């Protein structure tokens, strides 16, 4: 007999063979690092492609200029607007000129513009970057995935101008992280900042303060995108759970950061004021670092104040947009009824009379056609290219893969026929909705819902459409103020009836249209 110890002697991970990954968490960590490398690839590509530029540009460190450009755009964009393109170029010029001071100023400007345009990726269609990486699924199958991202994007302003804004990926390139939770990263950065200041390491504290400011910008950018999506379509944003939770967490976050940053500001000023005056270079550097830290933390407090005001305005903005989008007036112009106004009058006519109408309609309905510009090179290629051989019957048409649509309707065809029979009141006097519902309930327990639905639709019948399409009868419903007395439905006890349309008038109108 085999002992239990002998059956458990071989670990299951060894007996099952080598696994490609240690689990979903390990594979997700690998995917994060691959995406982090992908975000830095456009910066390395700048240094690889600078040899293709017309001229000697090897002296310039393009990746360094690109990081400086991302830094400038991030710190100069506001909540509502972004950074100005020309302003970013002018602020990049001193850094570019410092790398090659002997070169002319127009070359420095050319380098700055080239770097900024490559960060925007002007040459691509969607102005974005794409990287391919692989992950292992739960079944151990290796799958390649596309990662699309942008670093600097152009956004329209309210005044008609175009601004620059950095994306989350660009901010993550600056702080050396990817897909990091904003709140936890902000707390960690500020705790680190406080510790560094208390130990007097102001150079490292300045770097930590700049990282904390980047996280603040990223948090405000998340809220800005949410509010913009709300202005476009209030139904596209989850204002029931996701956004209220985000606002509550952000308000608590701002309150904590206010207390934390004010304490940090007090410690910085204390370190700056207690520094000994004199000609010692270390003391002067210490005071300069402390002064720069004061400016950075003040800017963080200003951004948090702005974020708090936007958070308080988010709720009223949602209600205002909900009212505006829900009660917006429909378009004043009426659409063209192709069946009733064009197809139905033309079908009884002979072809020679119908073509005059269709020619006039399609000549004005297809819009303008932009003429193509003929170039000599295209014309020569067209004339010299031999004609391609074609099949007599044309290319083979692929067989469509048709899938039957599932019947998910609530009511059957028999129920619809029964409801139409109840509402067929052409030869009877109009009836109350309550009586129709009671009679429908005696036939089928679900039939009253279909009768009520058809009666409500008949409260505003499309008379013009039915008239143009040649309908002879039309169901109508009128509210005379009598309340509905029914165990399942409420509202008005409508008067439901059937009206006959003028068939002679329809025929006359069709003849005039033809």
Protein backbone atom coordinates (compact mmCIF):
# COMPACT_ATOMS: atom_id res chain seq x y z
CA UNK A 1 0.00 0.00 0.00
CA UNK A 2 1.32 3.45 -0.88
CA UNK A 3 1.77 5.88 1.98
CA UNK A 4 0.31 9.41 1.79
CA UNK A 5 3.79 10.89 2.05
CA UNK A 6 4.89 9.19 -1.15
CA UNK A 7 2.00 10.67 -3.13
CA UNK A 8 2.82 14.24 -2.01
CA UNK A 9 6.58 13.93 -2.39
CA UNK A 10 6.62 15.55 -5.87
CA UNK A 11 5.42 19.18 -5.90
CA UNK A 12 2.60 19.76 -8.38
CA UNK A 13 4.45 22.56 -10.16
CA UNK A 14 7.36 20.16 -10.88
CA UNK A 15 5.18 17.25 -11.94
CA UNK A 16 3.15 19.40 -14.32
CA UNK A 17 6.23 20.63 -16.17
CA UNK A 18 7.68 24.15 -16.41
CA UNK A 19 5.20 26.99 -16.51
CA UNK A 20 5.74 30.12 -18.64
CA UNK A 21 4.75 32.51 -15.83
CA UNK A 22 4.32 32.42 -12.07
CA UNK A 23 0.68 33.50 -12.24
CA UNK A 24 -1.56 36.35 -13.34
CA UNK A 25 0.07 38.83 -10.93
CA UNK A 26 3.58 38.08 -12.16
CA UNK A 27 2.49 38.28 -15.79
CA UNK A 28 0.71 41.58 -15.15
CA UNK A 29 3.89 42.96 -13.62
CA UNK A 30 5.81 41.93 -16.72
CA UNK A 31 3.19 43.61 -18.93
CA UNK A 32 3.53 46.84 -16.93
CA UNK A 33 7.29 46.85 -17.43
CA UNK A 34 6.88 46.17 -21.15
CA UNK A 35 4.46 49.09 -21.45
CA UNK A 36 6.89 51.25 -19.50
CA UNK A 37 9.62 50.42 -22.02
CA UNK A 38 7.20 51.19 -24.86
CA UNK A 39 6.54 54.69 -23.48
CA UNK A 40 10.26 55.48 -23.51
CA UNK A 41 10.82 54.05 -27.01
CA UNK A 42 9.82 57.27 -28.88
CA UNK A 43 12.44 59.20 -26.88
CA UNK A 44 15.21 56.74 -27.76
CA UNK A 45 14.02 56.75 -31.35
CA UNK A 46 14.74 60.49 -31.55
CA UNK A 47 18.45 59.90 -30.96
CA UNK A 48 18.43 57.00 -33.43
CA UNK A 49 16.82 59.09 -36.19
CA UNK A 50 18.76 62.31 -35.76
CA UNK A 51 21.43 60.93 -38.13
CA UNK A 52 18.85 61.14 -40.94
CA UNK A 53 18.43 64.89 -40.57
CA UNK A 54 19.99 67.20 -43.13
CA UNK A 55 23.04 68.46 -41.30
CA UNK A 56 25.24 67.47 -38.38
CA UNK A 57 22.95 66.99 -35.39
CA UNK A 58 24.86 64.30 -33.49
CA UNK A 59 25.90 66.87 -30.88
CA UNK A 60 22.31 67.21 -29.63
CA UNK A 61 20.87 64.84 -27.00
CA UNK A 62 17.36 64.56 -28.42
CA UNK A 63 15.96 62.37 -25.61
CA UNK A 64 17.06 64.97 -23.06
CA UNK A 65 15.31 67.71 -25.03
CA UNK A 66 12.19 65.53 -25.30
CA UNK A 67 12.04 65.00 -21.53
CA UNK A 68 12.43 68.74 -21.01
CA UNK A 69 9.59 69.36 -23.48
CA UNK A 70 7.28 66.92 -21.67
CA UNK A 71 8.20 68.61 -18.39
CA UNK A 72 7.40 72.09 -19.75
CA UNK A 73 4.06 71.05 -21.25
CA UNK A 74 3.01 69.29 -18.03
CA UNK A 75 3.78 72.26 -15.79
CA UNK A 76 2.35 74.91 -18.16
CA UNK A 77 -1.01 73.29 -18.88
CA UNK A 78 -3.98 74.40 -16.80
CA UNK A 79 -7.21 72.63 -15.91
CA UNK A 80 -9.20 74.17 -18.77
CA UNK A 81 -6.42 74.94 -21.25
CA UNK A 82 -3.09 73.48 -22.23
CA UNK A 83 0.35 74.79 -23.03
CA UNK A 84 0.99 77.12 -25.95
CA UNK A 85 3.03 75.55 -28.77
CA UNK A 86 5.22 78.58 -29.46
CA UNK A 87 5.79 79.20 -25.77
CA UNK A 88 7.08 75.66 -25.28
CA UNK A 89 9.44 76.06 -28.26
CA UNK A 90 10.82 79.34 -26.90
CA UNK A 91 11.40 77.82 -23.46
CA UNK A 92 13.18 74.84 -25.00
CA UNK A 93 15.66 77.04 -26.85
CA UNK A 94 18.01 77.72 -23.87
CA UNK A 95 18.39 73.98 -23.18
CA UNK A 96 19.02 73.21 -26.87
CA UNK A 97 21.46 76.12 -27.16
CA UNK A 98 23.37 74.92 -24.09
CA UNK A 99 24.17 71.64 -25.87
CA UNK A 100 25.69 73.38 -28.90
CA UNK A 101 26.36 77.07 -28.14
CA UNK A 102 28.46 77.56 -31.28
CA UNK A 103 25.60 76.58 -33.60
CA UNK A 104 23.26 79.26 -35.03
CA UNK A 105 19.99 80.17 -33.33
CA UNK A 106 17.81 79.03 -36.25
CA UNK A 107 19.29 75.53 -35.91
CA UNK A 108 18.41 75.49 -32.21
CA UNK A 109 14.84 76.42 -33.04
CA UNK A 110 14.72 73.75 -35.76
CA UNK A 111 15.83 71.09 -33.27
CA UNK A 112 13.28 72.21 -30.67
CA UNK A 113 10.42 72.12 -33.18
CA UNK A 114 11.53 68.75 -34.55
CA UNK A 115 11.56 67.18 -31.09
CA UNK A 116 8.17 68.63 -30.15
CA UNK A 117 6.56 67.54 -33.43
CA UNK A 118 7.91 64.01 -32.96
CA UNK A 119 6.46 63.87 -29.46
CA UNK A 120 3.10 64.80 -31.00
CA UNK A 121 3.86 62.27 -33.79
CA UNK A 122 2.69 64.63 -36.51
CA UNK A 123 3.46 62.19 -39.34
CA UNK A 124 0.97 59.49 -38.25
CA UNK A 125 -2.74 59.37 -38.97
CA UNK A 126 -4.01 59.29 -35.38
CA UNK A 127 -0.88 61.01 -33.99
CA UNK A 128 -0.19 58.15 -31.61
CA UNK A 129 2.39 55.46 -30.98
CA UNK A 130 1.91 51.69 -31.00
CA UNK A 131 3.95 48.93 -29.38
CA UNK A 132 3.47 45.17 -29.49
CA UNK A 133 4.10 42.97 -26.45
CA UNK A 134 3.13 39.46 -25.39
CA UNK A 135 1.39 38.05 -22.33
CA UNK A 136 0.40 34.59 -21.12
CA UNK A 137 -3.28 33.90 -20.57
CA UNK A 138 -4.81 31.76 -17.84
CA UNK A 139 -4.44 28.73 -20.10
CA UNK A 140 -0.72 29.41 -20.66
CA UNK A 141 -1.14 30.52 -24.31
CA UNK A 142 1.19 33.29 -25.45
CA UNK A 143 -0.81 36.19 -26.95
CA UNK A 144 0.50 39.31 -28.67
CA UNK A 145 -1.20 42.56 -27.77
CA UNK A 146 -1.13 46.08 -29.18
CA UNK A 147 -0.48 48.99 -26.84
CA UNK A 148 -1.55 52.37 -28.28
CA UNK A 149 -0.47 55.51 -26.44
CA UNK A 150 0.32 59.19 -26.90
CA UNK A 151 2.83 61.43 -25.18
CA UNK A 152 1.83 64.97 -26.18
CA UNK A 153 -1.51 65.65 -27.86
CA UNK A 154 -3.10 68.72 -29.42
CA UNK A 155 -6.49 69.69 -27.97
CA UNK A 156 -8.83 72.50 -29.10
CA UNK A 157 -9.34 75.41 -26.74
CA UNK A 158 -12.54 77.32 -25.99
CA UNK A 159 -11.28 80.35 -27.92
CA UNK A 160 -10.63 78.36 -31.11
CA UNK A 161 -6.89 77.95 -30.56
CA UNK A 162 -4.97 74.67 -30.22
CA UNK A 163 -3.12 73.76 -27.02
CA UNK A 164 -0.72 71.01 -26.01
CA UNK A 165 -1.45 68.57 -23.18
CA UNK A 166 0.62 65.67 -21.91
CA UNK A 167 -1.03 62.28 -21.40
CA UNK A 168 -0.85 59.92 -18.43
CA UNK A 169 1.82 57.92 -20.26
CA UNK A 170 4.00 61.03 -20.61
CA UNK A 171 3.68 61.84 -16.92
CA UNK A 172 4.56 58.24 -16.08
CA UNK A 173 7.69 58.55 -18.23
CA UNK A 174 8.70 61.55 -16.13
CA UNK A 175 8.20 59.96 -12.72
CA UNK A 176 9.44 56.49 -13.71
CA UNK A 177 6.23 54.53 -13.08
CA UNK A 178 3.33 53.21 -15.11
CA UNK A 179 -0.35 52.74 -14.30
CA UNK A 180 0.29 53.82 -10.74
CA UNK A 181 -2.66 54.68 -8.53
CA UNK A 182 -2.73 58.47 -8.30
CA UNK A 183 -3.72 58.73 -4.65
CA UNK A 184 -1.22 56.19 -3.29
CA UNK A 185 1.61 57.64 -5.41
CA UNK A 186 0.81 61.16 -4.17
CA UNK A 187 0.84 60.10 -0.51
CA UNK A 188 4.08 58.16 -0.93
CA UNK A 189 5.76 61.08 -2.71
CA UNK A 190 4.78 63.58 -0.02
CA UNK A 191 5.81 61.31 2.86
CA UNK A 192 9.14 60.84 1.12
CA UNK A 193 9.38 64.61 0.64
CA UNK A 194 8.76 65.29 4.33
CA UNK A 195 11.41 62.76 5.39
CA UNK A 196 14.00 64.19 3.01
CA UNK A 197 13.36 67.74 4.21
CA UNK A 198 13.64 66.73 7.86
CA UNK A 199 17.01 65.13 7.08
CA UNK A 200 18.26 68.15 5.19
CA UNK A 201 18.58 66.39 1.82
CA UNK A 202 17.05 69.25 -0.15
CA UNK A 203 18.40 68.14 -3.55
CA UNK A 204 16.58 64.82 -3.30
CA UNK A 205 13.59 66.59 -1.75
CA UNK A 206 13.29 68.83 -4.81
CA UNK A 207 13.04 65.77 -7.07
CA UNK A 208 10.38 64.23 -4.81
CA UNK A 209 8.43 67.52 -4.78
CA UNK A 210 8.45 67.66 -8.58
CA UNK A 211 7.16 64.07 -8.71
CA UNK A 212 4.35 64.98 -6.28
CA UNK A 213 3.40 67.89 -8.52
CA UNK A 214 3.25 65.62 -11.58
CA UNK A 215 0.84 63.33 -9.71
CA UNK A 216 -1.35 66.32 -8.87
CA UNK A 217 -1.49 67.28 -12.55
CA UNK A 218 -2.42 63.69 -13.46
CA UNK A 219 -5.24 63.65 -10.91
CA UNK A 220 -6.68 66.90 -12.29
CA UNK A 221 -6.39 65.53 -15.83
CA UNK A 222 -8.54 62.52 -14.89
CA UNK A 223 -11.28 64.79 -13.58
CA UNK A 224 -11.05 67.09 -16.63
CA UNK A 225 -11.56 64.18 -19.05
CA UNK A 226 -14.56 62.99 -17.02
CA UNK A 227 -16.20 66.43 -17.15
CA UNK A 228 -15.51 66.76 -20.88
CA UNK A 229 -17.14 63.38 -21.53
CA UNK A 230 -20.14 64.53 -19.47
CA UNK A 231 -20.53 67.66 -21.60
CA UNK A 232 -20.55 65.53 -24.76
CA UNK A 233 -22.86 62.76 -23.52
CA UNK A 234 -23.99 62.50 -19.92
CA UNK A 235 -24.95 58.82 -20.41
CA UNK A 236 -21.39 57.86 -21.32
CA UNK A 237 -20.13 58.52 -17.76
CA UNK A 238 -21.08 56.49 -14.70
CA UNK A 239 -22.46 59.24 -12.44
CA UNK A 240 -24.29 56.69 -10.30
CA UNK A 241 -21.26 55.02 -8.70
CA UNK A 242 -17.87 55.69 -10.32
CA UNK A 243 -17.79 59.50 -10.51
CA UNK A 244 -19.32 60.17 -7.04
CA UNK A 245 -16.76 57.80 -5.53
CA UNK A 246 -14.01 59.60 -7.46
CA UNK A 247 -15.20 63.01 -6.23
CA UNK A 248 -15.44 61.88 -2.60
CA UNK A 249 -11.99 60.31 -2.69
CA UNK A 250 -10.54 63.37 -4.43
CA UNK A 251 -12.03 65.80 -1.88
CA UNK A 252 -10.63 63.73 0.98
CA UNK A 253 -7.33 63.57 -0.87
CA UNK A 254 -7.23 67.36 -1.31
CA UNK A 255 -8.04 67.95 2.39
CA UNK A 256 -5.21 65.63 3.48
CA UNK A 257 -2.78 67.19 1.02
CA UNK A 258 -3.58 70.71 2.25
CA UNK A 259 -2.58 69.80 5.81
CA UNK A 260 0.45 67.86 4.63
CA UNK A 261 1.75 70.50 2.24
CA UNK A 262 1.31 73.35 4.72
CA UNK A 263 3.37 71.37 7.23
CA UNK A 264 6.00 70.71 4.56
CA UNK A 265 6.05 74.39 3.64
CA UNK A 266 6.65 75.32 7.26
CA UNK A 267 9.58 72.87 7.50
CA UNK A 268 11.10 74.15 4.27
CA UNK A 269 10.94 77.79 5.39
CA UNK A 270 12.43 76.81 8.71
CA UNK A 271 15.31 74.99 6.97
CA UNK A 272 15.82 77.98 4.68
CA UNK A 273 15.77 80.59 7.47
CA UNK A 274 18.01 78.57 9.80
CA UNK A 275 20.73 78.20 7.16
CA UNK A 276 23.80 80.21 8.15
CA UNK A 277 24.59 83.24 6.07
CA UNK A 278 28.04 83.45 4.59
CA UNK A 279 30.14 82.75 1.53
CA UNK A 280 30.14 78.97 1.97
CA UNK A 281 29.02 77.41 -1.35
CA UNK A 282 27.17 74.61 0.47
CA UNK A 283 25.15 77.11 2.49
CA UNK A 284 24.23 79.11 -0.61
CA UNK A 285 23.22 75.93 -2.43
CA UNK A 286 21.16 74.86 0.61
CA UNK A 287 19.27 78.16 0.66
CA UNK A 288 18.72 78.06 -3.11
CA UNK A 289 17.29 74.53 -2.93
CA UNK A 290 15.02 75.55 -0.06
CA UNK A 291 13.76 78.57 -2.01
CA UNK A 292 13.01 76.41 -5.07
CA UNK A 293 11.17 73.92 -2.87
CA UNK A 294 9.03 76.73 -1.46
CA UNK A 295 7.97 77.69 -5.00
CA UNK A 296 7.21 74.07 -5.95
CA UNK A 297 5.08 73.38 -2.87
CA UNK A 298 3.25 76.69 -3.36
CA UNK A 299 2.45 75.59 -6.90
CA UNK A 300 1.16 72.24 -5.54
CA UNK A 301 -1.12 74.12 -3.13
CA UNK A 302 -2.37 76.33 -5.99
CA UNK A 303 -3.15 73.28 -8.12
CA UNK A 304 -4.96 71.60 -5.24
CA UNK A 305 -7.05 74.75 -4.74
CA UNK A 306 -7.99 74.69 -8.39
CA UNK A 307 -8.77 70.97 -8.24
CA UNK A 308 -10.98 71.48 -5.20
CA UNK A 309 -13.00 74.20 -6.94
CA UNK A 310 -13.53 71.93 -9.95
CA UNK A 311 -14.59 69.06 -7.71
CA UNK A 312 -17.20 71.26 -6.02
CA UNK A 313 -18.51 72.33 -9.44
CA UNK A 314 -18.73 68.75 -10.78
CA UNK A 315 -22.13 67.95 -9.24
CA UNK A 316 -23.91 71.12 -10.48
CA UNK A 317 -22.29 70.65 -13.88
CA UNK A 318 -23.68 67.11 -14.12
CA UNK A 319 -27.20 68.26 -13.22
CA UNK A 320 -27.04 71.18 -15.66
CA UNK A 321 -25.80 68.94 -18.48
CA UNK A 322 -28.44 66.33 -17.66
CA UNK A 323 -31.18 68.96 -17.94
CA UNK A 324 -29.71 70.46 -21.10
CA UNK A 325 -29.28 67.14 -22.91
CA UNK A 326 -32.55 65.60 -21.72
CA UNK A 327 -34.77 68.60 -22.52
CA UNK A 328 -32.98 69.91 -25.60
CA UNK A 329 -35.30 70.85 -28.41
CA UNK A 330 -35.34 68.49 -31.37
CA UNK A 331 -34.17 69.69 -34.75
CA UNK A 332 -36.50 72.26 -36.28
CA UNK A 333 -36.33 70.80 -39.80
CA UNK A 334 -38.22 67.65 -40.74
CA UNK A 335 -36.51 64.75 -42.43
CA UNK A 336 -37.31 63.48 -45.90
CA UNK A 337 -39.70 60.53 -46.07
CA UNK A 338 -38.19 58.60 -49.00
CA UNK A 339 -40.99 56.06 -49.09
CA UNK A 340 -43.97 58.37 -48.79
CA UNK A 341 -42.62 61.37 -50.71
CA UNK A 342 -40.52 59.71 -53.42
CA UNK A 343 -40.94 55.94 -53.78
CA UNK A 344 -44.71 55.54 -53.33
CA UNK A 345 -45.73 58.26 -55.86
CA UNK A 346 -43.19 57.03 -58.47
CA UNK A 347 -43.91 53.30 -58.46
CA UNK A 348 -47.25 53.53 -60.38
CA UNK A 349 -45.73 55.85 -63.04
CA UNK A 350 -44.09 54.74 -66.29
CA UNK A 351 -40.28 54.84 -66.47
CA UNK A 352 -40.01 57.84 -68.81
CA UNK A 353 -41.98 60.00 -66.35
CA UNK A 354 -40.34 58.63 -63.19
CA UNK A 355 -36.77 59.23 -64.42
CA UNK A 356 -37.36 62.98 -64.58
CA UNK A 357 -38.14 63.01 -60.85
CA UNK A 358 -35.30 60.69 -59.86
CA UNK A 359 -32.77 62.60 -61.97
CA UNK A 360 -33.76 65.86 -60.32
CA UNK A 361 -33.68 64.30 -56.84
CA UNK A 362 -30.29 62.61 -57.08
CA UNK A 363 -28.71 65.60 -58.85
CA UNK A 364 -29.50 67.74 -55.79
CA UNK A 365 -29.32 65.07 -53.12
CA UNK A 366 -25.84 63.69 -53.69
CA UNK A 367 -24.04 66.95 -52.93
CA UNK A 368 -21.06 68.57 -54.58
CA UNK A 369 -18.27 66.55 -56.14
CA UNK A 370 -14.71 67.83 -55.73
CA UNK A 371 -12.82 67.66 -59.04
CA UNK A 372 -9.51 65.78 -58.93
CA UNK A 373 -6.32 67.68 -59.64
CA UNK A 374 -4.39 66.15 -62.57
CA UNK A 375 -0.61 65.89 -62.15
CA UNK A 376 1.78 65.10 -64.96
CA UNK A 377 3.42 62.25 -63.03
CA UNK A 378 0.07 60.59 -62.32
CA UNK A 379 -1.01 61.05 -65.92
CA UNK A 380 2.18 59.44 -67.27
CA UNK A 381 1.85 56.48 -64.87
CA UNK A 382 -1.78 56.05 -65.88
CA UNK A 383 -0.98 56.07 -69.59
CA UNK A 384 2.04 53.75 -69.36
CA UNK A 385 0.53 51.20 -66.98
CA UNK A 386 -0.78 48.17 -68.94
CA UNK A 387 -4.41 47.30 -68.31
CA UNK A 388 -5.00 44.53 -65.81
CA UNK A 389 -6.72 41.42 -67.07
CA UNK A 390 -10.18 40.98 -65.67
CA UNK A 391 -12.48 38.06 -65.44
CA UNK A 392 -15.45 38.09 -67.77
CA UNK A 393 -17.93 37.96 -64.92
CA UNK A 394 -15.82 39.94 -62.47
CA UNK A 395 -14.28 38.85 -59.19
CA UNK A 396 -15.82 36.02 -57.26
CA UNK A 397 -18.17 37.25 -54.56
CA UNK A 398 -17.60 35.71 -51.12
CA UNK A 399 -20.42 33.78 -49.58
CA UNK A 400 -21.87 35.77 -46.68
CA UNK A 401 -21.90 34.09 -43.30
CA UNK A 402 -25.49 34.63 -42.25
CA UNK A 403 -26.48 34.16 -38.64
CA UNK A 404 -30.11 33.90 -37.70
CA UNK A 405 -31.20 36.71 -35.40
CA UNK A 406 -32.64 35.28 -32.19
CA UNK A 407 -36.27 36.11 -31.53
CA UNK A 408 -36.11 38.00 -28.24
CA UNK A 409 -39.45 39.78 -28.54
CA UNK A 410 -41.65 39.73 -25.47
CA UNK A 411 -44.92 39.25 -27.34
CA UNK A 412 -45.73 36.56 -29.88
CA UNK A 413 -47.36 36.98 -33.27
CA UNK A 414 -50.60 35.56 -31.89
CA UNK A 415 -50.66 38.14 -29.10
CA UNK A 416 -50.02 40.94 -31.61
CA UNK A 417 -52.87 39.72 -33.80
CA UNK A 418 -55.19 39.51 -30.78
CA UNK A 419 -54.28 43.06 -29.68
CA UNK A 420 -54.87 44.45 -33.19
CA UNK A 421 -58.26 42.67 -33.25
CA UNK A 422 -59.23 44.41 -30.01
CA UNK A 423 -58.11 47.80 -31.35
CA UNK A 424 -59.84 47.33 -34.73
CA UNK A 425 -62.65 49.84 -34.06
CA UNK A 426 -63.33 50.94 -37.63
CA UNK A 427 -66.97 49.90 -37.54
CA UNK A 428 -67.46 50.48 -33.78
CA UNK A 429 -67.65 53.55 -31.61
CA UNK A 430 -64.45 54.65 -29.78
CA UNK A 431 -63.86 52.80 -26.49
CA UNK A 432 -62.23 53.58 -23.18
CA UNK A 433 -58.77 52.14 -22.51
CA UNK A 434 -60.02 50.65 -19.21
CA UNK A 435 -62.59 48.51 -21.05
CA UNK A 436 -59.99 47.37 -23.61
CA UNK A 437 -57.59 46.39 -20.82
CA UNK A 438 -60.26 44.40 -18.99
CA UNK A 439 -61.22 42.51 -22.15
CA UNK A 440 -57.57 41.85 -22.97
CA UNK A 441 -56.96 40.53 -19.45
CA UNK A 442 -59.74 37.99 -19.93
CA UNK A 443 -58.02 36.70 -23.08
CA UNK A 444 -54.39 36.61 -21.89
CA UNK A 445 -52.69 37.90 -18.68
CA UNK A 446 -49.85 39.49 -20.70
CA UNK A 447 -52.06 40.99 -23.41
CA UNK A 448 -52.98 44.21 -21.46
CA UNK A 449 -49.33 45.35 -21.58
CA UNK A 450 -49.31 45.17 -25.39
CA UNK A 451 -52.70 46.92 -25.66
CA UNK A 452 -51.55 49.70 -23.33
CA UNK A 453 -48.34 50.12 -25.34
CA UNK A 454 -50.20 50.44 -28.65
CA UNK A 455 -52.72 52.85 -27.11
CA UNK A 456 -49.99 55.12 -25.71
CA UNK A 457 -48.29 55.21 -29.14
CA UNK A 458 -51.64 56.15 -30.67
CA UNK A 459 -51.88 59.23 -28.40
CA UNK A 460 -49.70 61.11 -30.92
CA UNK A 461 -50.35 59.36 -34.27
CA UNK A 462 -48.06 60.16 -37.25
CA UNK A 463 -50.90 61.40 -39.47
CA UNK A 464 -48.65 62.99 -42.12
CA UNK A 465 -46.49 59.88 -42.54
CA UNK A 466 -49.49 57.56 -42.75
CA UNK A 467 -51.14 59.93 -45.26
CA UNK A 468 -48.05 60.00 -47.51
CA UNK A 469 -47.60 56.23 -47.33
CA UNK A 470 -51.17 55.58 -48.44
CA UNK A 471 -52.58 54.17 -45.18
CA UNK A 472 -56.38 53.99 -45.15
CA UNK A 473 -56.89 53.71 -41.38
CA UNK A 474 -55.12 55.17 -38.37
CA UNK A 475 -55.43 54.32 -34.68
CA UNK A 476 -55.77 57.38 -32.42
CA UNK A 477 -56.13 57.99 -28.66
CA UNK A 478 -57.44 61.13 -26.94
CA UNK A 479 -57.13 62.18 -23.28
CA UNK A 480 -60.26 63.89 -21.96
CA UNK A 481 -59.03 64.15 -18.37
CA UNK A 482 -60.63 60.95 -17.02
CA UNK A 483 -58.24 59.02 -14.71
CA UNK A 484 -57.61 55.36 -15.48
CA UNK A 485 -59.08 52.89 -12.96
CA UNK A 486 -57.06 49.69 -13.44
CA UNK A 487 -55.24 47.37 -10.98
CA UNK A 488 -52.01 47.32 -13.06
CA UNK A 489 -51.83 50.63 -14.92
CA UNK A 490 -52.21 54.28 -14.00
CA UNK A 491 -52.59 57.56 -15.85
CA UNK A 492 -55.36 58.74 -18.15
CA UNK A 493 -58.29 56.63 -19.34
CA UNK A 494 -57.77 57.32 -23.03
CA UNK A 495 -60.51 57.27 -25.65
CA UNK A 496 -59.26 54.89 -28.36
CA UNK A 497 -60.70 54.79 -31.87
CA UNK A 498 -59.92 54.27 -35.55
CA UNK A 499 -60.01 57.09 -38.12
CA UNK A 500 -60.28 56.72 -41.89
CA UNK A 501 -57.93 58.77 -44.08
CA UNK A 502 -58.86 60.50 -47.33
CA UNK A 503 -57.88 58.04 -50.07
CA UNK A 504 -59.04 60.38 -52.85
CA UNK A 505 -56.88 63.18 -51.52
CA UNK A 506 -53.88 60.84 -51.43
CA UNK A 507 -54.34 59.88 -55.06
CA UNK A 508 -54.64 63.53 -56.08
CA UNK A 509 -51.47 64.44 -54.20
CA UNK A 510 -49.54 61.61 -55.86
CA UNK A 511 -50.70 62.74 -59.29
CA UNK A 512 -49.59 66.31 -58.60
CA UNK A 513 -46.20 65.12 -57.33
CA UNK A 514 -45.66 63.07 -60.47
